[in-house]
Amino acid sequence: MSRSHEEEQRRLLAAYDAQLREQAEMSGATSHDRDGPLWRGKFGARGFVSYRSLEGLSGQALDDLIAQTLEHYAADPTITSVEWKTRGHDLPADLPGRLRKYGFQPEDQETVMVGEARHLEGPVTLPGGVRLRRIDDQPSPLPDVTRAADTHSRVFGLPFRPEELMRRLERHRGRIELWIAETTDEVVCVGRLEVVPGTEFAGLWGGGTLPEWRGQGIYRALTAARAGSALGRGIRYLHSDSTDASRPILERSGLLPVTTTTPYVWERP
């Protein structure tokens, strides 16, 4: 890896840490408060913990902070789960082990990809009969949102209810864009662009292509369309928590891996 490449990664990671943690992760929370270095949000029945740095905390002091956080959420009977989102470059290095001690279990690790939106914009050739379209900005989006939700469920193997997505779109009107790639018969790829208020960033989320349509540049084209829309909004950076499937596509497009992220989740017994 070249020196300039490493310097760019460090620059992007610094922008990510400065702009996308703490208060930025509380956007959309039903309520939030602070406890020392932690921002503690409630998103309906889910708790979410954010912070920029825990450096300097160790041993019993760190254990106490975790215990106090768990007590805070457990005391609210409406909370059914809590996510403590860790990053691979964070200190202290023993935080994951300490979270496990208090009942937090790790979910799948993903790679944090960050880069200049301008690197992702540009024309991409689509297969014949496939077109791209933004669907949240029409007078009656529910029929298309329902089709998109069905494709999302088929791609990820999890139920995805259109009513929930509609509520999110209405609650964050103008900040979330929903894009699809479609044929005359079905939606074959979906993806969202989510603007992070008060920052230079937007996120690429929920991207997925039906298995029989993969390897034809459709996800790449949908990513380029979202990047173009972001640039039109004055957004400089794009970021994504990427699976092993989407990381290579985003990396070829110009995003760089800057760290990893692993959610640690506590479920109410």
Protein backbone atom coordinates (compact mmCIF):
# COMPACT_ATOMS: atom_id res chain seq x y z
CA MET A 1 0.00 0.00 0.00
CA SER A 2 1.43 3.38 -0.99
CA ARG A 3 2.13 6.15 1.51
CA SER A 4 -0.43 8.42 -0.20
CA HIS A 5 -3.04 5.65 0.03
CA GLU A 6 -2.43 5.25 3.76
CA GLU A 7 -2.55 9.02 4.27
CA GLU A 8 -5.91 9.18 2.47
CA GLN A 9 -7.26 6.40 4.67
CA ARG A 10 -6.18 8.28 7.79
CA ARG A 11 -7.76 11.49 6.50
CA LEU A 12 -11.06 9.76 5.76
CA LEU A 13 -11.07 7.96 9.11
CA ALA A 14 -10.51 11.27 10.90
CA ALA A 15 -13.49 12.79 9.05
CA TYR A 16 -15.60 9.73 9.88
CA ASP A 17 -14.73 9.89 13.59
CA ALA A 18 -15.28 13.65 13.79
CA GLN A 19 -18.59 13.82 11.92
CA LEU A 20 -20.39 10.46 12.13
CA ARG A 21 -20.20 9.49 15.79
CA GLU A 22 -21.83 10.73 19.00
CA GLN A 23 -24.60 13.23 18.17
CA ALA A 24 -24.72 12.27 14.48
CA GLU A 25 -25.76 8.74 15.47
CA MET A 26 -28.61 10.09 17.56
CA SER A 27 -30.38 11.47 14.49
CA GLY A 28 -33.85 9.94 14.46
CA ALA A 29 -33.76 8.90 18.12
CA THR A 30 -36.98 9.20 20.08
CA SER A 31 -34.83 10.47 22.96
CA HIS A 32 -31.17 10.57 24.00
CA ASP A 33 -28.95 11.59 26.89
CA ARG A 34 -25.30 11.51 27.87
CA ASP A 35 -23.24 9.68 30.47
CA GLY A 36 -19.59 10.73 30.42
CA PRO A 37 -18.18 9.85 26.98
CA LEU A 38 -21.33 7.95 25.96
CA TRP A 39 -24.35 9.13 24.00
CA ARG A 40 -27.32 6.89 24.88
CA GLY A 41 -30.20 6.90 22.43
CA LYS A 42 -33.59 5.24 22.34
CA PHE A 43 -35.01 4.33 18.96
CA GLY A 44 -38.44 2.98 19.83
CA ALA A 45 -37.80 -0.33 21.60
CA ARG A 46 -34.09 -0.34 20.76
CA GLY A 47 -31.29 1.30 22.70
CA PHE A 48 -28.15 2.48 20.92
CA VAL A 49 -24.79 3.53 22.40
CA SER A 50 -22.44 5.91 20.59
CA TYR A 51 -19.14 7.54 21.53
CA ARG A 52 -16.07 8.96 19.84
CA SER A 53 -13.40 7.64 22.18
CA LEU A 54 -13.09 5.63 25.39
CA GLU A 55 -9.32 6.00 25.46
CA GLY A 56 -8.08 6.31 29.00
CA LEU A 57 -10.83 4.12 30.45
CA SER A 58 -9.79 0.68 31.66
CA GLY A 59 -10.38 -1.96 34.27
CA GLN A 60 -13.06 -1.31 36.85
CA ALA A 61 -13.87 2.16 35.48
CA LEU A 62 -14.79 0.66 32.10
CA ASP A 63 -16.75 -2.17 33.73
CA ASP A 64 -18.69 0.38 35.77
CA LEU A 65 -19.55 2.40 32.66
CA ILE A 66 -20.88 -0.71 30.90
CA ALA A 67 -22.87 -1.77 33.96
CA GLN A 68 -24.38 1.70 34.40
CA THR A 69 -25.36 1.76 30.73
CA LEU A 70 -27.05 -1.61 30.95
CA GLU A 71 -28.88 -0.58 34.12
CA HIS A 72 -30.05 2.61 32.39
CA TYR A 73 -31.71 0.66 29.57
CA ALA A 74 -32.89 -2.29 31.65
CA ALA A 75 -34.81 0.12 33.89
CA ASP A 76 -36.96 1.12 30.89
CA PRO A 77 -39.46 -1.73 30.26
CA THR A 78 -40.08 -0.50 26.70
CA ILE A 79 -36.49 -1.32 25.69
CA THR A 80 -36.10 -4.86 24.34
CA SER A 81 -32.52 -4.68 23.01
CA VAL A 82 -29.42 -2.48 23.17
CA GLU A 83 -26.71 -2.09 20.53
CA TRP A 84 -23.21 -0.96 21.52
CA LYS A 85 -21.49 -0.28 18.19
CA THR A 86 -17.74 -0.90 18.37
CA ARG A 87 -15.09 0.04 15.82
CA GLY A 88 -11.94 -1.92 15.13
CA HIS A 89 -9.54 1.00 15.66
CA ASP A 90 -10.99 2.06 19.02
CA LEU A 91 -9.29 1.80 22.37
CA PRO A 92 -9.33 0.12 24.80
CA ALA A 93 -8.69 -3.08 22.87
CA ASP A 94 -10.33 -5.25 25.55
CA LEU A 95 -13.73 -3.53 25.27
CA PRO A 96 -15.33 -6.43 23.31
CA GLY A 97 -14.40 -8.91 26.01
CA ARG A 98 -15.81 -6.68 28.72
CA LEU A 99 -19.07 -6.21 26.79
CA ARG A 100 -19.43 -9.98 26.53
CA LYS A 101 -19.04 -10.22 30.31
CA TYR A 102 -22.19 -8.12 30.68
CA GLY A 103 -24.25 -10.13 28.21
CA PHE A 104 -23.61 -8.23 24.98
CA GLN A 105 -23.16 -10.62 22.05
CA PRO A 106 -21.31 -9.77 18.81
CA GLU A 107 -23.10 -9.72 15.48
CA ASP A 108 -21.36 -9.93 12.09
CA GLN A 109 -18.35 -7.70 11.57
CA GLU A 110 -18.56 -5.30 8.62
CA THR A 111 -16.04 -3.03 6.92
CA VAL A 112 -16.49 0.74 7.16
CA MET A 113 -16.02 2.19 3.67
CA VAL A 114 -15.56 5.96 3.19
CA GLY A 115 -14.69 8.13 0.21
CA GLU A 116 -15.38 11.19 -1.89
CA ALA A 117 -18.78 10.99 -3.56
CA ARG A 118 -17.27 12.27 -6.83
CA HIS A 119 -15.32 9.02 -7.18
CA LEU A 120 -18.54 6.99 -7.42
CA GLU A 121 -20.46 9.16 -9.85
CA GLY A 122 -20.48 8.34 -13.54
CA PRO A 123 -22.32 6.35 -16.19
CA VAL A 124 -22.56 2.58 -15.80
CA THR A 125 -23.95 0.35 -18.55
CA LEU A 126 -27.06 -1.51 -17.46
CA PRO A 127 -28.36 -4.82 -18.84
CA GLY A 128 -31.06 -4.45 -21.46
CA GLY A 129 -34.50 -3.80 -20.06
CA VAL A 130 -33.24 -2.52 -16.67
CA ARG A 131 -33.76 1.08 -15.59
CA LEU A 132 -32.96 3.07 -12.43
CA ARG A 133 -35.47 5.20 -10.59
CA ARG A 134 -35.82 7.13 -7.34
CA ILE A 135 -39.23 6.28 -5.86
CA ASP A 136 -39.66 8.23 -2.61
CA ASP A 137 -40.25 11.62 -4.28
CA GLN A 138 -43.54 10.84 -6.03
CA PRO A 139 -47.05 11.80 -4.84
CA SER A 140 -48.03 8.21 -3.92
CA PRO A 141 -44.89 6.11 -3.31
CA LEU A 142 -46.50 3.23 -1.38
CA PRO A 143 -47.00 0.84 -4.35
CA ASP A 144 -43.35 1.16 -5.40
CA VAL A 145 -42.14 1.07 -1.79
CA THR A 146 -44.08 -2.19 -1.35
CA ARG A 147 -42.33 -3.68 -4.40
CA ALA A 148 -38.95 -2.49 -3.11
CA ALA A 149 -39.62 -3.96 0.35
CA ASP A 150 -40.50 -7.32 -1.21
CA THR A 151 -37.19 -7.37 -3.11
CA HIS A 152 -35.29 -6.35 0.02
CA SER A 153 -36.87 -9.28 1.89
CA ARG A 154 -35.93 -11.69 -0.89
CA VAL A 155 -32.34 -10.43 -1.04
CA PHE A 156 -31.63 -10.50 2.70
CA GLY A 157 -33.97 -13.29 3.79
CA LEU A 158 -35.62 -11.12 6.45
CA PRO A 159 -39.12 -9.63 6.53
CA PHE A 160 -39.13 -5.97 5.51
CA ARG A 161 -42.47 -4.25 5.98
CA PRO A 162 -43.33 -1.41 3.60
CA GLU A 163 -45.35 0.39 6.27
CA GLU A 164 -42.24 0.77 8.44
CA LEU A 165 -40.25 2.11 5.51
CA MET A 166 -43.01 4.57 4.67
CA ARG A 167 -42.98 5.83 8.26
CA ARG A 168 -39.22 6.35 8.07
CA LEU A 169 -39.51 8.21 4.78
CA GLU A 170 -42.22 10.47 6.17
CA ARG A 171 -40.44 11.07 9.48
CA HIS A 172 -37.19 12.00 7.73
CA ARG A 173 -38.71 13.56 4.65
CA GLY A 174 -36.05 14.92 2.31
CA ARG A 175 -33.18 13.16 4.09
CA ILE A 176 -33.76 9.60 2.83
CA GLU A 177 -33.86 8.68 -0.85
CA LEU A 178 -35.06 5.25 -1.96
CA TRP A 179 -33.74 4.00 -5.30
CA ILE A 180 -34.55 0.89 -7.32
CA ALA A 181 -33.42 -0.88 -10.46
CA GLU A 182 -36.32 -2.55 -12.21
CA THR A 183 -37.51 -4.42 -15.25
CA THR A 184 -41.07 -4.34 -16.52
CA ASP A 185 -41.76 -7.35 -14.27
CA GLU A 186 -39.94 -6.78 -10.97
CA VAL A 187 -37.60 -4.73 -8.84
CA VAL A 188 -34.18 -6.38 -9.13
CA CYS A 189 -32.05 -4.10 -6.90
CA VAL A 190 -32.73 -1.63 -4.06
CA GLY A 191 -30.71 0.92 -2.11
CA ARG A 192 -31.08 4.02 0.05
CA LEU A 193 -29.18 7.28 0.32
CA GLU A 194 -29.41 8.79 3.82
CA VAL A 195 -28.14 12.32 4.41
CA VAL A 196 -26.54 12.89 7.83
CA PRO A 197 -27.70 16.34 9.01
CA GLY A 198 -25.00 18.82 9.97
CA THR A 199 -22.20 16.87 8.26
CA GLU A 200 -20.55 16.48 4.86
CA PHE A 201 -21.71 12.85 4.72
CA ALA A 202 -24.47 10.68 3.36
CA GLY A 203 -24.76 6.93 3.88
CA LEU A 204 -25.30 4.15 1.36
CA TRP A 205 -27.64 1.64 3.02
CA GLY A 206 -29.85 -1.32 2.25
CA GLY A 207 -28.19 -2.10 -1.08
CA GLY A 208 -28.91 -5.51 -2.52
CA THR A 209 -29.52 -7.30 -5.83
CA LEU A 210 -31.56 -10.42 -6.49
CA PRO A 211 -29.17 -13.39 -6.91
CA GLU A 212 -30.11 -14.06 -10.53
CA TRP A 213 -29.28 -10.44 -11.47
CA ARG A 214 -25.89 -10.16 -9.79
CA GLY A 215 -22.62 -9.67 -11.65
CA GLN A 216 -24.13 -7.40 -14.30
CA GLY A 217 -23.21 -3.97 -12.89
CA ILE A 218 -26.66 -3.16 -11.50
CA TYR A 219 -25.56 -2.51 -7.90
CA ARG A 220 -22.67 -0.42 -9.21
CA ALA A 221 -25.07 1.62 -11.36
CA LEU A 222 -27.44 2.17 -8.45
CA THR A 223 -24.50 3.30 -6.33
CA ALA A 224 -23.40 5.77 -9.03
CA ALA A 225 -26.93 7.19 -9.25
CA ARG A 226 -27.04 7.73 -5.49
CA ALA A 227 -23.59 9.34 -5.58
CA GLY A 228 -24.76 11.74 -8.28
CA SER A 229 -27.79 12.66 -6.19
CA ALA A 230 -25.56 13.22 -3.14
CA LEU A 231 -23.29 15.54 -5.08
CA GLY A 232 -26.35 17.48 -6.24
CA ARG A 233 -27.19 18.03 -2.57
CA GLY A 234 -23.71 19.35 -1.82
CA ILE A 235 -22.59 16.15 -0.06
CA ARG A 236 -18.84 15.53 -0.13
CA TYR A 237 -18.40 12.08 1.43
CA LEU A 238 -20.21 8.75 1.24
CA HIS A 239 -19.91 5.97 3.79
CA SER A 240 -21.21 2.45 4.18
CA ASP A 241 -20.94 -0.47 6.60
CA SER A 242 -20.21 -3.13 4.02
CA THR A 243 -20.54 -6.88 3.86
CA ASP A 244 -17.98 -9.01 2.03
CA ALA A 245 -20.32 -8.93 -0.97
CA SER A 246 -20.62 -5.15 -1.32
CA ARG A 247 -17.13 -4.12 -0.19
CA PRO A 248 -15.32 -5.05 -3.46
CA ILE A 249 -17.85 -3.11 -5.54
CA LEU A 250 -17.53 0.01 -3.40
CA GLU A 251 -13.74 -0.33 -3.31
CA ARG A 252 -13.53 -0.54 -7.09
CA SER A 253 -15.75 2.54 -7.21
CA GLY A 254 -13.36 4.58 -5.08
CA LEU A 255 -14.33 4.11 -1.43
CA LEU A 256 -11.59 2.99 0.95
CA PRO A 257 -11.78 0.64 3.94
CA VAL A 258 -10.94 2.72 7.01
CA THR A 259 -11.90 0.44 9.92
CA THR A 260 -14.30 -2.33 10.89
CA THR A 261 -17.48 -2.21 12.93
CA THR A 262 -19.06 -4.91 15.08
CA PRO A 263 -22.38 -4.40 16.86
CA TYR A 264 -22.54 -5.88 20.36
CA VAL A 265 -26.19 -6.50 21.25
CA TRP A 266 -27.91 -7.14 24.57
CA GLU A 267 -31.37 -8.71 24.41
CA ARG A 268 -33.79 -8.45 27.31
CA PRO A 269 -34.27 -11.97 28.78
